[in-house]
Amino acid sequence: MDTIKITEIARALYRTHGDKAEFEAAQCEKRFKNAGNNDEADNWRAIRGSIRRMRGANQS
């Protein structure tokens, strides 16, 4: 999946799920990995990373 598509999906998830979007992406990644679909799991890992960058650094 190309970077533009990953960013579009990440933005849509973040708009829909807010702070829970990263968790949702992680669940999708896990589901595909457990099913043996590593290519799709990699896509969801990239989507999760994009969401993390949108959210910014964690504050302490």
Foldseek 3Di string as FASTA:
>chain_A
DDPVVLLVVLVVLCVVPPPCSLVVLQVQLVVCVVVVNNVVSVSSVSSSVSNDVVVPDDDD
